[in-house]
Amino acid sequence: MRPLSPELKARISAAVAAARTASPINVVEIAQLVQSQNPQENVAFEDILSCVLDVAQCTGEPILFERQPSTADVAQMNGASLIS
């Protein structure tokens, strides 16, 4: 795992703290959000997710591992083919 910058760790902590109002804490969604808002950090999603999980576990709140479906996922679930 690549070490995360103190700034990125602070952003992760803030995102988890903000998510505590909506239980359970969706760690995948938070990691995706943090990564998309901090492209300059150039950190792997898995490394961000690991840190988000560590921070979320310290809260004692329930944790959820669920990503939001993409447009392609929704189309596939609805039986639509993306290839014509």
C-alpha atoms as a PDB file:
ATOM      1  CA  MET A   1       0.000   0.000   0.000  1.00  0.00           C
ATOM      2  CA  ARG A   2       1.274   3.414  -0.943  1.00  0.00           C
ATOM      3  CA  PRO A   3       1.402   5.855   1.977  1.00  0.00           C
ATOM      4  CA  LEU A   4      -1.378   8.425   1.809  1.00  0.00           C
ATOM      5  CA  SER A   5      -0.645  12.108   2.197  1.00  0.00           C
ATOM      6  CA  PRO A   6      -1.763  13.797   5.414  1.00  0.00           C
ATOM      7  CA  GLU A   7      -4.126  15.954   3.348  1.00  0.00           C
ATOM      8  CA  LEU A   8      -5.802  12.919   1.798  1.00  0.00           C
ATOM      9  CA  LYS A   9      -6.112  11.245   5.199  1.00  0.00           C
ATOM     10  CA  ALA A  10      -7.759  14.400   6.532  1.00  0.00           C
ATOM     11  CA  ARG A  11     -10.205  14.427   3.611  1.00  0.00           C
ATOM     12  CA  ILE A  12     -11.034  10.768   4.231  1.00  0.00           C
ATOM     13  CA  SER A  13     -11.629  11.418   7.925  1.00  0.00           C
ATOM     14  CA  ALA A  14     -13.866  14.369   7.099  1.00  0.00           C
ATOM     15  CA  ALA A  15     -15.843  12.330   4.558  1.00  0.00           C
ATOM     16  CA  VAL A  16     -16.378   9.501   7.034  1.00  0.00           C
ATOM     17  CA  ALA A  17     -17.397  11.971   9.746  1.00  0.00           C
ATOM     18  CA  ALA A  18     -19.931  13.530   7.378  1.00  0.00           C
ATOM     19  CA  ALA A  19     -21.271  10.088   6.470  1.00  0.00           C
ATOM     20  CA  ARG A  20     -21.950   9.212  10.107  1.00  0.00           C
ATOM     21  CA  THR A  21     -25.236  11.088   9.875  1.00  0.00           C
ATOM     22  CA  ALA A  22     -26.459   8.514   7.349  1.00  0.00           C
ATOM     23  CA  SER A  23     -26.111   5.080   8.866  1.00  0.00           C
ATOM     24  CA  PRO A  24     -24.701   2.711   7.691  1.00  0.00           C
ATOM     25  CA  ILE A  25     -21.446   4.212   6.439  1.00  0.00           C
ATOM     26  CA  ASN A  26     -20.959   3.193   2.803  1.00  0.00           C
ATOM     27  CA  VAL A  27     -17.183   2.824   2.589  1.00  0.00           C
ATOM     28  CA  VAL A  28     -17.109   2.059  -1.145  1.00  0.00           C
ATOM     29  CA  GLU A  29     -19.137   5.150  -1.977  1.00  0.00           C
ATOM     30  CA  ILE A  30     -16.923   7.329   0.226  1.00  0.00           C
ATOM     31  CA  ALA A  31     -13.747   5.920  -1.327  1.00  0.00           C
ATOM     32  CA  GLN A  32     -15.086   6.574  -4.833  1.00  0.00           C
ATOM     33  CA  LEU A  33     -16.005  10.126  -3.889  1.00  0.00           C
ATOM     34  CA  VAL A  34     -12.648  10.862  -2.255  1.00  0.00           C
ATOM     35  CA  GLN A  35     -10.747   9.422  -5.211  1.00  0.00           C
ATOM     36  CA  SER A  36     -12.765  11.390  -7.760  1.00  0.00           C
ATOM     37  CA  GLN A  37     -12.344  14.630  -5.799  1.00  0.00           C
ATOM     38  CA  ASN A  38      -8.581  14.149  -5.416  1.00  0.00           C
ATOM     39  CA  PRO A  39      -7.178  12.972  -8.764  1.00  0.00           C
ATOM     40  CA  GLN A  40      -3.948  14.872  -8.125  1.00  0.00           C
ATOM     41  CA  GLU A  41      -3.129  12.372  -5.369  1.00  0.00           C
ATOM     42  CA  ASN A  42      -2.830   9.514  -7.901  1.00  0.00           C
ATOM     43  CA  VAL A  43      -3.631   6.843  -5.306  1.00  0.00           C
ATOM     44  CA  ALA A  44      -5.160   3.453  -6.074  1.00  0.00           C
ATOM     45  CA  PHE A  45      -8.818   3.032  -5.200  1.00  0.00           C
ATOM     46  CA  GLU A  46      -7.977   0.033  -3.023  1.00  0.00           C
ATOM     47  CA  ASP A  47      -5.567   2.102  -0.921  1.00  0.00           C
ATOM     48  CA  ILE A  48      -8.185   4.791  -0.369  1.00  0.00           C
ATOM     49  CA  LEU A  49     -10.811   2.156   0.408  1.00  0.00           C
ATOM     50  CA  SER A  50      -8.539   0.555   2.996  1.00  0.00           C
ATOM     51  CA  CYS A  51      -8.055   3.877   4.762  1.00  0.00           C
ATOM     52  CA  VAL A  52     -11.778   4.675   4.616  1.00  0.00           C
ATOM     53  CA  LEU A  53     -12.526   1.282   6.141  1.00  0.00           C
ATOM     54  CA  ASP A  54     -10.003   1.831   8.938  1.00  0.00           C
ATOM     55  CA  VAL A  55     -11.509   5.211   9.790  1.00  0.00           C
ATOM     56  CA  ALA A  56     -15.090   3.932   9.540  1.00  0.00           C
ATOM     57  CA  GLN A  57     -14.367   0.997  11.839  1.00  0.00           C
ATOM     58  CA  CYS A  58     -13.185   3.403  14.523  1.00  0.00           C
ATOM     59  CA  THR A  59     -16.591   5.096  14.566  1.00  0.00           C
ATOM     60  CA  GLY A  60     -18.442   2.013  15.769  1.00  0.00           C
ATOM     61  CA  GLU A  61     -21.175   2.713  13.211  1.00  0.00           C
ATOM     62  CA  PRO A  62     -22.540   0.015  10.884  1.00  0.00           C
ATOM     63  CA  ILE A  63     -20.568  -0.310   7.644  1.00  0.00           C
ATOM     64  CA  LEU A  64     -21.897  -0.983   4.160  1.00  0.00           C
ATOM     65  CA  PHE A  65     -19.859  -2.265   1.201  1.00  0.00           C
ATOM     66  CA  GLU A  66     -21.928  -1.279  -1.803  1.00  0.00           C
ATOM     67  CA  ARG A  67     -21.112   0.696  -4.887  1.00  0.00           C
ATOM     68  CA  GLN A  68     -23.625   2.728  -6.790  1.00  0.00           C
ATOM     69  CA  PRO A  69     -24.496   1.038 -10.079  1.00  0.00           C
ATOM     70  CA  SER A  70     -23.193   2.719 -13.196  1.00  0.00           C
ATOM     71  CA  THR A  71     -25.402   3.484 -16.177  1.00  0.00           C
ATOM     72  CA  ALA A  72     -24.067   0.362 -17.879  1.00  0.00           C
ATOM     73  CA  ASP A  73     -24.903  -1.763 -14.835  1.00  0.00           C
ATOM     74  CA  VAL A  74     -28.449  -0.423 -14.724  1.00  0.00           C
ATOM     75  CA  ALA A  75     -28.938  -1.036 -18.445  1.00  0.00           C
ATOM     76  CA  GLN A  76     -27.685  -4.587 -18.083  1.00  0.00           C
ATOM     77  CA  MET A  77     -29.955  -5.224 -15.081  1.00  0.00           C
ATOM     78  CA  ASN A  78     -32.869  -4.009 -17.186  1.00  0.00           C
ATOM     79  CA  GLY A  79     -31.953  -6.410 -19.977  1.00  0.00           C
ATOM     80  CA  ALA A  80     -30.715  -3.788 -22.412  1.00  0.00           C
ATOM     81  CA  SER A  81     -27.718  -4.488 -24.561  1.00  0.00           C
ATOM     82  CA  LEU A  82     -25.081  -1.783 -24.741  1.00  0.00           C
ATOM     83  CA  ILE A  83     -23.683  -3.224 -27.957  1.00  0.00           C
ATOM     84  CA  SER A  84     -25.860  -2.718 -31.004  1.00  0.00           C
END
